[in-house]
Amino acid sequence: MQSGGCTNVLNSSLFGIVSEAADAGAFGRVHGASHGLEGLLEGKTVDLTDVPQATWRRIARSPGAALGSTRRKLTPDDVPIVLGRLAALSIGYWFIIGGNDSAETGHTLSVEATKAGYDLTVVNVPKTIDNDLVMTDHCPGYGSAARFVALAAMGAGADAEAMGAASPITIQEVMGRDTGWLAAAAALGRREERDAPHVICLPETPVDEDRFVAQIEAAYTRFGFAVAVVSENARSANGVLGGQCEPWFVDDFGHPYYDGPARYLAGLVSKRLSVRTRYE
């Protein structure tokens, strides 16, 4: 099944699993869950065994999730239903393509299957930026995501420098709830000191607002433009940047969502330096 936010690697990994299963000849049939856990609970599965290779090659290069994705959290009441659906299809191996929350789902099902005496092997296939999963060197999609972020930072720097006094400072926000792999990757395109980004904020390290503004001001004064890259969940020592106490949304896995730090920091820099600051 495919799970979590959609990226190209969801389909590439699906193609890899199905292709290897066919080459190994160790599986009778290969089934896919429509929209992940939701589809499995509703008995909506697709037999992928006889899909032509030409179709798979197109799917492998396509964005989105060919089977449909989900962010539904597994509940205790779901467990017997899921195990029953798997048993009805004689499923002995379950590949879950997704990130941290998907891995949690897989681990829970593996434990519950063992308790129920169901012989089930669960394999988690990391997605794009889940390098923090235990024993993961790097995810299948990390290289392309890191390249995209590095190019975006380079482009933002070129734009800010070209705009001059009209719009010389840009703050970019990238994914990374608890780890800063992608934000750090923004530095991959730097060749000299004046190249963007000039400041990178990771969720592992609290952001000192005064120091952040001082760093932006120093780069702007020296180079005539400045670019910062911040992780989506960058925090201050006191918690959420900007002092927002209540999240505007909490998902099924308990992750709180707040206004992005880039917007807040852009406003802070604009007020302190009296310079137009963009965020994206």
C-alpha atoms as a PDB file:
ATOM      1  CA  MET A   1       0.000   0.000   0.000  1.00  0.00           C
ATOM      2  CA  GLN A   2       1.026   3.620  -0.496  1.00  0.00           C
ATOM      3  CA  SER A   3       0.726   6.018   2.418  1.00  0.00           C
ATOM      4  CA  GLY A   4       1.437   9.623   3.376  1.00  0.00           C
ATOM      5  CA  GLY A   5       2.147  12.663   1.216  1.00  0.00           C
ATOM      6  CA  CYS A   6       2.513  11.910  -2.487  1.00  0.00           C
ATOM      7  CA  THR A   7       5.914  12.088  -4.152  1.00  0.00           C
ATOM      8  CA  ASN A   8       7.356  10.457  -7.277  1.00  0.00           C
ATOM      9  CA  VAL A   9       9.119   7.846  -5.186  1.00  0.00           C
ATOM     10  CA  LEU A  10       5.782   6.323  -4.136  1.00  0.00           C
ATOM     11  CA  ASN A  11       5.250   5.050  -7.662  1.00  0.00           C
ATOM     12  CA  SER A  12       8.896   4.233  -8.325  1.00  0.00           C
ATOM     13  CA  SER A  13       8.987   2.072  -5.206  1.00  0.00           C
ATOM     14  CA  LEU A  14       5.694   0.413  -6.138  1.00  0.00           C
ATOM     15  CA  PHE A  15       7.148  -0.445  -9.547  1.00  0.00           C
ATOM     16  CA  GLY A  16      10.282  -1.827  -7.915  1.00  0.00           C
ATOM     17  CA  ILE A  17       8.328  -4.056  -5.532  1.00  0.00           C
ATOM     18  CA  VAL A  18       6.045  -5.476  -8.226  1.00  0.00           C
ATOM     19  CA  SER A  19       8.914  -6.008 -10.670  1.00  0.00           C
ATOM     20  CA  GLU A  20      11.080  -7.815  -8.128  1.00  0.00           C
ATOM     21  CA  ALA A  21       8.121  -9.930  -7.018  1.00  0.00           C
ATOM     22  CA  ALA A  22       7.531 -10.992 -10.621  1.00  0.00           C
ATOM     23  CA  ASP A  23      11.216 -11.764 -11.227  1.00  0.00           C
ATOM     24  CA  ALA A  24      11.526 -13.757  -8.008  1.00  0.00           C
ATOM     25  CA  GLY A  25       8.513 -15.908  -8.810  1.00  0.00           C
ATOM     26  CA  ALA A  26       8.000 -16.382  -5.083  1.00  0.00           C
ATOM     27  CA  PHE A  27       4.513 -14.875  -4.910  1.00  0.00           C
ATOM     28  CA  GLY A  28       1.295 -16.200  -6.371  1.00  0.00           C
ATOM     29  CA  ARG A  29      -0.496 -12.862  -6.716  1.00  0.00           C
ATOM     30  CA  VAL A  30       0.337  -9.238  -5.943  1.00  0.00           C
ATOM     31  CA  HIS A  31      -2.454  -7.024  -4.615  1.00  0.00           C
ATOM     32  CA  GLY A  32      -2.570  -3.282  -3.989  1.00  0.00           C
ATOM     33  CA  ALA A  33      -4.764  -1.482  -1.456  1.00  0.00           C
ATOM     34  CA  SER A  34      -6.790   1.386  -2.903  1.00  0.00           C
ATOM     35  CA  HIS A  35      -6.021   4.492  -0.820  1.00  0.00           C
ATOM     36  CA  GLY A  36      -3.951   2.512   1.634  1.00  0.00           C
ATOM     37  CA  LEU A  37      -5.429   1.521   4.964  1.00  0.00           C
ATOM     38  CA  GLU A  38      -8.805   3.050   4.106  1.00  0.00           C
ATOM     39  CA  GLY A  39      -9.187   0.857   1.045  1.00  0.00           C
ATOM     40  CA  LEU A  40      -8.060  -2.249   2.882  1.00  0.00           C
ATOM     41  CA  LEU A  41     -10.651  -1.663   5.603  1.00  0.00           C
ATOM     42  CA  GLU A  42     -13.339  -1.286   2.946  1.00  0.00           C
ATOM     43  CA  GLY A  43     -12.191  -4.328   0.995  1.00  0.00           C
ATOM     44  CA  LYS A  44     -11.044  -2.235  -1.948  1.00  0.00           C
ATOM     45  CA  THR A  45      -7.971  -3.896  -3.424  1.00  0.00           C
ATOM     46  CA  VAL A  46      -6.568  -4.203  -6.931  1.00  0.00           C
ATOM     47  CA  ASP A  47      -4.853  -7.259  -8.425  1.00  0.00           C
ATOM     48  CA  LEU A  48      -1.572  -5.954  -9.832  1.00  0.00           C
ATOM     49  CA  THR A  49      -0.132  -9.268 -10.982  1.00  0.00           C
ATOM     50  CA  ASP A  50      -0.966  -9.017 -14.666  1.00  0.00           C
ATOM     51  CA  VAL A  51      -0.467  -5.285 -15.245  1.00  0.00           C
ATOM     52  CA  PRO A  52       1.733  -4.955 -18.399  1.00  0.00           C
ATOM     53  CA  GLN A  53       5.357  -3.883 -17.956  1.00  0.00           C
ATOM     54  CA  ALA A  54       4.822  -0.950 -20.326  1.00  0.00           C
ATOM     55  CA  THR A  55       2.141   0.373 -17.974  1.00  0.00           C
ATOM     56  CA  TRP A  56       4.428  -0.077 -14.970  1.00  0.00           C
ATOM     57  CA  ARG A  57       7.210   1.870 -16.663  1.00  0.00           C
ATOM     58  CA  ARG A  58       4.824   4.799 -17.171  1.00  0.00           C
ATOM     59  CA  ILE A  59       3.617   4.579 -13.580  1.00  0.00           C
ATOM     60  CA  ALA A  60       7.198   4.562 -12.275  1.00  0.00           C
ATOM     61  CA  ARG A  61       7.826   7.976 -13.843  1.00  0.00           C
ATOM     62  CA  SER A  62       4.518   9.501 -12.743  1.00  0.00           C
ATOM     63  CA  PRO A  63       3.868  11.805  -9.766  1.00  0.00           C
ATOM     64  CA  GLY A  64       1.181  11.140  -7.176  1.00  0.00           C
ATOM     65  CA  ALA A  65       0.239   7.666  -5.959  1.00  0.00           C
ATOM     66  CA  ALA A  66      -1.071   5.171  -8.502  1.00  0.00           C
ATOM     67  CA  LEU A  67      -2.966   3.216  -5.849  1.00  0.00           C
ATOM     68  CA  GLY A  68      -4.102   6.294  -3.960  1.00  0.00           C
ATOM     69  CA  SER A  69      -2.624   7.364  -0.635  1.00  0.00           C
ATOM     70  CA  THR A  70      -3.936   7.870   2.899  1.00  0.00           C
ATOM     71  CA  ARG A  71      -3.081   9.433   6.251  1.00  0.00           C
ATOM     72  CA  ARG A  72      -5.481   7.335   8.307  1.00  0.00           C
ATOM     73  CA  LYS A  73      -4.190   6.109  11.661  1.00  0.00           C
ATOM     74  CA  LEU A  74      -4.698   2.467  12.541  1.00  0.00           C
ATOM     75  CA  THR A  75      -6.976   1.980  15.572  1.00  0.00           C
ATOM     76  CA  PRO A  76      -7.350  -1.113  17.801  1.00  0.00           C
ATOM     77  CA  ASP A  77     -10.781  -1.723  16.272  1.00  0.00           C
ATOM     78  CA  ASP A  78      -9.219  -1.785  12.795  1.00  0.00           C
ATOM     79  CA  VAL A  79      -6.787  -4.606  13.555  1.00  0.00           C
ATOM     80  CA  PRO A  80      -9.117  -7.631  13.287  1.00  0.00           C
ATOM     81  CA  ILE A  81     -10.707  -6.183  10.142  1.00  0.00           C
ATOM     82  CA  VAL A  82      -7.335  -5.643   8.459  1.00  0.00           C
ATOM     83  CA  LEU A  83      -6.087  -9.102   9.395  1.00  0.00           C
ATOM     84  CA  GLY A  84      -9.326 -10.582   8.078  1.00  0.00           C
ATOM     85  CA  ARG A  85      -8.973  -8.759   4.750  1.00  0.00           C
ATOM     86  CA  LEU A  86      -5.367  -9.925   4.418  1.00  0.00           C
ATOM     87  CA  ALA A  87      -6.300 -13.508   5.259  1.00  0.00           C
ATOM     88  CA  ALA A  88      -9.086 -13.512   2.676  1.00  0.00           C
ATOM     89  CA  LEU A  89      -6.493 -12.682   0.008  1.00  0.00           C
ATOM     90  CA  SER A  90      -3.897 -15.077   1.458  1.00  0.00           C
ATOM     91  CA  ILE A  91      -1.477 -12.207   2.011  1.00  0.00           C
ATOM     92  CA  GLY A  92       1.768 -13.283   3.666  1.00  0.00           C
ATOM     93  CA  TYR A  93       3.890 -10.217   2.873  1.00  0.00           C
ATOM     94  CA  TRP A  94       2.751  -6.629   3.256  1.00  0.00           C
ATOM     95  CA  PHE A  95       4.869  -3.826   1.778  1.00  0.00           C
ATOM     96  CA  ILE A  96       4.025  -0.363   3.125  1.00  0.00           C
ATOM     97  CA  ILE A  97       5.489   2.519   1.121  1.00  0.00           C
ATOM     98  CA  GLY A  98       5.530   5.570   3.380  1.00  0.00           C
ATOM     99  CA  GLY A  99       7.239   7.485   6.141  1.00  0.00           C
ATOM    100  CA  ASN A 100       7.413   7.445   9.927  1.00  0.00           C
ATOM    101  CA  ASP A 101       3.689   7.129  10.576  1.00  0.00           C
ATOM    102  CA  SER A 102       3.371   4.393   7.957  1.00  0.00           C
ATOM    103  CA  ALA A 103       6.225   2.534   9.651  1.00  0.00           C
ATOM    104  CA  GLU A 104       4.334   2.815  12.936  1.00  0.00           C
ATOM    105  CA  THR A 105       1.273   1.280  11.263  1.00  0.00           C
ATOM    106  CA  GLY A 106       3.375  -1.559   9.891  1.00  0.00           C
ATOM    107  CA  HIS A 107       5.017  -2.258  13.235  1.00  0.00           C
ATOM    108  CA  THR A 108       1.664  -2.333  15.025  1.00  0.00           C
ATOM    109  CA  LEU A 109       0.188  -4.766  12.484  1.00  0.00           C
ATOM    110  CA  SER A 110       3.259  -6.975  12.675  1.00  0.00           C
ATOM    111  CA  VAL A 111       2.970  -7.219  16.463  1.00  0.00           C
ATOM    112  CA  GLU A 112      -0.788  -7.813  16.357  1.00  0.00           C
ATOM    113  CA  ALA A 113      -0.466 -10.444  13.628  1.00  0.00           C
ATOM    114  CA  THR A 114       2.052 -12.339  15.764  1.00  0.00           C
ATOM    115  CA  LYS A 115      -0.322 -12.208  18.731  1.00  0.00           C
ATOM    116  CA  ALA A 116      -3.138 -13.536  16.558  1.00  0.00           C
ATOM    117  CA  GLY A 117      -0.991 -16.346  15.153  1.00  0.00           C
ATOM    118  CA  TYR A 118      -1.096 -14.888  11.638  1.00  0.00           C
ATOM    119  CA  ASP A 119       2.105 -15.480   9.659  1.00  0.00           C
ATOM    120  CA  LEU A 120       2.647 -11.985   8.230  1.00  0.00           C
ATOM    121  CA  THR A 121       5.897 -10.313   7.206  1.00  0.00           C
ATOM    122  CA  VAL A 122       5.650  -6.508   7.100  1.00  0.00           C
ATOM    123  CA  VAL A 123       8.230  -4.525   5.122  1.00  0.00           C
ATOM    124  CA  ASN A 124       8.366  -0.731   5.351  1.00  0.00           C
ATOM    125  CA  VAL A 125       9.703   1.057   2.275  1.00  0.00           C
ATOM    126  CA  PRO A 126      10.877   4.568   3.320  1.00  0.00           C
ATOM    127  CA  LYS A 127       9.616   7.425   1.219  1.00  0.00           C
ATOM    128  CA  THR A 128      11.329  10.740   0.476  1.00  0.00           C
ATOM    129  CA  ILE A 129      12.739  12.463   3.556  1.00  0.00           C
ATOM    130  CA  ASP A 130      12.500   9.814   6.250  1.00  0.00           C
ATOM    131  CA  ASN A 131      16.240   9.373   6.703  1.00  0.00           C
ATOM    132  CA  ASP A 132      15.688   9.425  10.474  1.00  0.00           C
ATOM    133  CA  LEU A 133      14.061   5.986  10.424  1.00  0.00           C
ATOM    134  CA  VAL A 134      16.264   3.548  12.355  1.00  0.00           C
ATOM    135  CA  MET A 135      18.931   1.826  10.205  1.00  0.00           C
ATOM    136  CA  THR A 136      18.068   3.955   7.153  1.00  0.00           C
ATOM    137  CA  ASP A 137      21.088   5.464   5.395  1.00  0.00           C
ATOM    138  CA  HIS A 138      18.978   7.454   2.963  1.00  0.00           C
ATOM    139  CA  CYS A 139      15.504   7.110   1.482  1.00  0.00           C
ATOM    140  CA  PRO A 140      14.891   6.239  -2.192  1.00  0.00           C
ATOM    141  CA  GLY A 141      13.586   9.726  -2.946  1.00  0.00           C
ATOM    142  CA  TYR A 142      15.994  11.754  -0.839  1.00  0.00           C
ATOM    143  CA  GLY A 143      18.491  12.461  -3.624  1.00  0.00           C
ATOM    144  CA  SER A 144      15.958  14.019  -5.978  1.00  0.00           C
ATOM    145  CA  ALA A 145      14.248  15.950  -3.155  1.00  0.00           C
ATOM    146  CA  ALA A 146      17.581  17.302  -1.937  1.00  0.00           C
ATOM    147  CA  ARG A 147      18.493  18.355  -5.482  1.00  0.00           C
ATOM    148  CA  PHE A 148      15.158  20.150  -5.863  1.00  0.00           C
ATOM    149  CA  VAL A 149      15.640  22.098  -2.622  1.00  0.00           C
ATOM    150  CA  ALA A 150      19.220  23.026  -3.546  1.00  0.00           C
ATOM    151  CA  LEU A 151      18.113  24.314  -6.953  1.00  0.00           C
ATOM    152  CA  ALA A 152      15.221  26.232  -5.371  1.00  0.00           C
ATOM    153  CA  ALA A 153      17.618  27.952  -2.988  1.00  0.00           C
ATOM    154  CA  MET A 154      19.965  28.807  -5.860  1.00  0.00           C
ATOM    155  CA  GLY A 155      17.040  30.234  -7.823  1.00  0.00           C
ATOM    156  CA  ALA A 156      15.806  32.270  -4.874  1.00  0.00           C
ATOM    157  CA  GLY A 157      19.277  33.721  -4.468  1.00  0.00           C
ATOM    158  CA  ALA A 158      19.495  34.690  -8.137  1.00  0.00           C
ATOM    159  CA  ASP A 159      16.064  36.317  -7.967  1.00  0.00           C
ATOM    160  CA  ALA A 160      16.794  38.225  -4.760  1.00  0.00           C
ATOM    161  CA  GLU A 161      20.100  39.514  -6.104  1.00  0.00           C
ATOM    162  CA  ALA A 162      18.489  40.560  -9.373  1.00  0.00           C
ATOM    163  CA  MET A 163      15.610  42.391  -7.634  1.00  0.00           C
ATOM    164  CA  GLY A 164      17.994  44.521  -5.606  1.00  0.00           C
ATOM    165  CA  ALA A 165      16.419  46.959  -3.161  1.00  0.00           C
ATOM    166  CA  ALA A 166      12.897  46.121  -4.401  1.00  0.00           C
ATOM    167  CA  SER A 167      12.916  42.645  -2.853  1.00  0.00           C
ATOM    168  CA  PRO A 168      16.373  41.590  -1.658  1.00  0.00           C
ATOM    169  CA  ILE A 169      15.528  39.054   1.059  1.00  0.00           C
ATOM    170  CA  THR A 170      13.743  35.695   0.734  1.00  0.00           C
ATOM    171  CA  ILE A 171      12.917  33.069   3.333  1.00  0.00           C
ATOM    172  CA  GLN A 172      12.084  29.604   2.062  1.00  0.00           C
ATOM    173  CA  GLU A 173      10.272  26.948   4.083  1.00  0.00           C
ATOM    174  CA  VAL A 174      10.854  23.271   3.336  1.00  0.00           C
ATOM    175  CA  MET A 175       9.520  19.993   4.712  1.00  0.00           C
ATOM    176  CA  GLY A 176      11.010  18.377   7.794  1.00  0.00           C
ATOM    177  CA  ARG A 177       8.844  18.041  10.896  1.00  0.00           C
ATOM    178  CA  ASP A 178      11.558  16.857  13.267  1.00  0.00           C
ATOM    179  CA  THR A 179      14.735  16.459  11.221  1.00  0.00           C
ATOM    180  CA  GLY A 180      16.488  18.899   8.918  1.00  0.00           C
ATOM    181  CA  TRP A 181      17.766  16.677   6.097  1.00  0.00           C
ATOM    182  CA  LEU A 182      16.071  18.708   3.376  1.00  0.00           C
ATOM    183  CA  ALA A 183      16.818  22.127   4.835  1.00  0.00           C
ATOM    184  CA  ALA A 184      20.495  21.182   5.145  1.00  0.00           C
ATOM    185  CA  ALA A 185      20.491  19.990   1.533  1.00  0.00           C
ATOM    186  CA  ALA A 186      19.819  23.579   0.442  1.00  0.00           C
ATOM    187  CA  ALA A 187      23.538  24.222   0.885  1.00  0.00           C
ATOM    188  CA  LEU A 188      24.532  21.662  -1.745  1.00  0.00           C
ATOM    189  CA  GLY A 189      24.473  24.240  -4.542  1.00  0.00           C
ATOM    190  CA  ARG A 190      26.767  26.755  -2.816  1.00  0.00           C
ATOM    191  CA  ARG A 191      30.089  27.378  -4.543  1.00  0.00           C
ATOM    192  CA  GLU A 192      31.210  30.521  -2.769  1.00  0.00           C
ATOM    193  CA  GLU A 193      30.322  32.523   0.326  1.00  0.00           C
ATOM    194  CA  ARG A 194      27.924  34.891  -1.409  1.00  0.00           C
ATOM    195  CA  ASP A 195      25.784  32.058  -2.786  1.00  0.00           C
ATOM    196  CA  ALA A 196      22.399  31.308  -1.249  1.00  0.00           C
ATOM    197  CA  PRO A 197      21.356  30.182   1.269  1.00  0.00           C
ATOM    198  CA  HIS A 198      23.081  32.370   3.838  1.00  0.00           C
ATOM    199  CA  VAL A 199      21.121  31.040   6.833  1.00  0.00           C
ATOM    200  CA  ILE A 200      19.676  27.553   7.438  1.00  0.00           C
ATOM    201  CA  CYS A 201      17.376  26.738  10.358  1.00  0.00           C
ATOM    202  CA  LEU A 202      16.905  23.106  11.384  1.00  0.00           C
ATOM    203  CA  PRO A 203      14.214  21.751  13.729  1.00  0.00           C
ATOM    204  CA  GLU A 204      16.918  20.076  15.854  1.00  0.00           C
ATOM    205  CA  THR A 205      18.337  23.490  16.866  1.00  0.00           C
ATOM    206  CA  PRO A 206      16.175  26.236  18.465  1.00  0.00           C
ATOM    207  CA  VAL A 207      16.002  29.470  16.480  1.00  0.00           C
ATOM    208  CA  ASP A 208      17.218  32.585  18.287  1.00  0.00           C
ATOM    209  CA  GLU A 209      15.171  35.309  16.614  1.00  0.00           C
ATOM    210  CA  ASP A 210      17.645  38.110  17.343  1.00  0.00           C
ATOM    211  CA  ARG A 211      20.533  36.037  16.008  1.00  0.00           C
ATOM    212  CA  PHE A 212      18.512  35.077  12.932  1.00  0.00           C
ATOM    213  CA  VAL A 213      17.793  38.718  12.091  1.00  0.00           C
ATOM    214  CA  ALA A 214      21.446  39.632  12.712  1.00  0.00           C
ATOM    215  CA  GLN A 215      22.622  36.902  10.325  1.00  0.00           C
ATOM    216  CA  ILE A 216      20.206  38.032   7.624  1.00  0.00           C
ATOM    217  CA  GLU A 217      21.265  41.647   8.118  1.00  0.00           C
ATOM    218  CA  ALA A 218      24.943  40.703   7.883  1.00  0.00           C
ATOM    219  CA  ALA A 219      24.434  38.838   4.598  1.00  0.00           C
ATOM    220  CA  TYR A 220      22.261  41.625   3.178  1.00  0.00           C
ATOM    221  CA  THR A 221      24.799  44.285   4.129  1.00  0.00           C
ATOM    222  CA  ARG A 222      27.684  42.332   2.661  1.00  0.00           C
ATOM    223  CA  PHE A 223      26.152  40.920  -0.527  1.00  0.00           C
ATOM    224  CA  GLY A 224      23.145  43.153  -1.215  1.00  0.00           C
ATOM    225  CA  PHE A 225      20.706  40.232  -0.826  1.00  0.00           C
ATOM    226  CA  ALA A 226      20.029  37.365   1.580  1.00  0.00           C
ATOM    227  CA  VAL A 227      18.267  34.006   1.537  1.00  0.00           C
ATOM    228  CA  ALA A 228      17.325  31.779   4.471  1.00  0.00           C
ATOM    229  CA  VAL A 229      15.970  28.227   4.395  1.00  0.00           C
ATOM    230  CA  VAL A 230      13.956  27.040   7.389  1.00  0.00           C
ATOM    231  CA  SER A 231      12.397  23.683   8.197  1.00  0.00           C
ATOM    232  CA  GLU A 232       8.615  23.679   8.458  1.00  0.00           C
ATOM    233  CA  ASN A 233       8.743  22.980  12.181  1.00  0.00           C
ATOM    234  CA  ALA A 234      11.623  25.246  13.185  1.00  0.00           C
ATOM    235  CA  ARG A 235      11.122  26.283  16.808  1.00  0.00           C
ATOM    236  CA  SER A 236      12.417  28.841  19.262  1.00  0.00           C
ATOM    237  CA  ALA A 237      13.620  27.915  22.742  1.00  0.00           C
ATOM    238  CA  ASN A 238      10.085  28.702  23.956  1.00  0.00           C
ATOM    239  CA  GLY A 239       8.312  26.543  21.394  1.00  0.00           C
ATOM    240  CA  VAL A 240       6.501  27.528  18.209  1.00  0.00           C
ATOM    241  CA  LEU A 241       7.938  30.583  16.456  1.00  0.00           C
ATOM    242  CA  GLY A 242       5.678  33.596  16.799  1.00  0.00           C
ATOM    243  CA  GLY A 243       4.173  32.504  20.094  1.00  0.00           C
ATOM    244  CA  GLN A 244       1.191  30.659  18.582  1.00  0.00           C
ATOM    245  CA  CYS A 245      -0.150  28.430  21.359  1.00  0.00           C
ATOM    246  CA  GLU A 246      -2.919  26.445  19.692  1.00  0.00           C
ATOM    247  CA  PRO A 247      -2.400  24.553  16.418  1.00  0.00           C
ATOM    248  CA  TRP A 248      -4.928  25.145  13.673  1.00  0.00           C
ATOM    249  CA  PHE A 249      -5.037  21.413  12.940  1.00  0.00           C
ATOM    250  CA  VAL A 250      -3.973  18.121  14.544  1.00  0.00           C
ATOM    251  CA  ASP A 251      -3.895  15.031  12.309  1.00  0.00           C
ATOM    252  CA  ASP A 252      -4.826  11.441  13.168  1.00  0.00           C
ATOM    253  CA  PHE A 253      -1.275  10.709  14.299  1.00  0.00           C
ATOM    254  CA  GLY A 254      -1.275  13.603  16.771  1.00  0.00           C
ATOM    255  CA  HIS A 255       0.958  15.916  14.757  1.00  0.00           C
ATOM    256  CA  PRO A 256       0.060  19.592  15.373  1.00  0.00           C
ATOM    257  CA  TYR A 257       0.106  22.086  12.497  1.00  0.00           C
ATOM    258  CA  TYR A 258       0.890  25.752  13.014  1.00  0.00           C
ATOM    259  CA  ASP A 259       1.350  28.742  10.743  1.00  0.00           C
ATOM    260  CA  GLY A 260       4.621  28.307   8.857  1.00  0.00           C
ATOM    261  CA  PRO A 261       7.774  29.805  10.403  1.00  0.00           C
ATOM    262  CA  ALA A 262       8.813  31.387   7.080  1.00  0.00           C
ATOM    263  CA  ARG A 263       5.863  33.768   7.166  1.00  0.00           C
ATOM    264  CA  TYR A 264       6.558  34.803  10.737  1.00  0.00           C
ATOM    265  CA  LEU A 265      10.296  35.241  10.203  1.00  0.00           C
ATOM    266  CA  ALA A 266       9.730  37.236   7.004  1.00  0.00           C
ATOM    267  CA  GLY A 267       7.517  39.635   8.919  1.00  0.00           C
ATOM    268  CA  LEU A 268      10.075  39.893  11.698  1.00  0.00           C
ATOM    269  CA  VAL A 269      12.911  40.689   9.287  1.00  0.00           C
ATOM    270  CA  SER A 270      10.801  43.209   7.365  1.00  0.00           C
ATOM    271  CA  LYS A 271       9.943  45.106  10.544  1.00  0.00           C
ATOM    272  CA  ARG A 272      13.440  45.027  12.024  1.00  0.00           C
ATOM    273  CA  LEU A 273      15.332  45.931   8.821  1.00  0.00           C
ATOM    274  CA  SER A 274      12.645  47.982   7.043  1.00  0.00           C
ATOM    275  CA  VAL A 275      13.243  45.920   3.907  1.00  0.00           C
ATOM    276  CA  ARG A 276      10.715  43.951   1.894  1.00  0.00           C
ATOM    277  CA  THR A 277      11.144  40.262   2.714  1.00  0.00           C
ATOM    278  CA  ARG A 278       9.472  37.500   0.732  1.00  0.00           C
ATOM    279  CA  TYR A 279       8.570  34.055   2.016  1.00  0.00           C
ATOM    280  CA  GLU A 280       7.801  30.953  -0.008  1.00  0.00           C
END
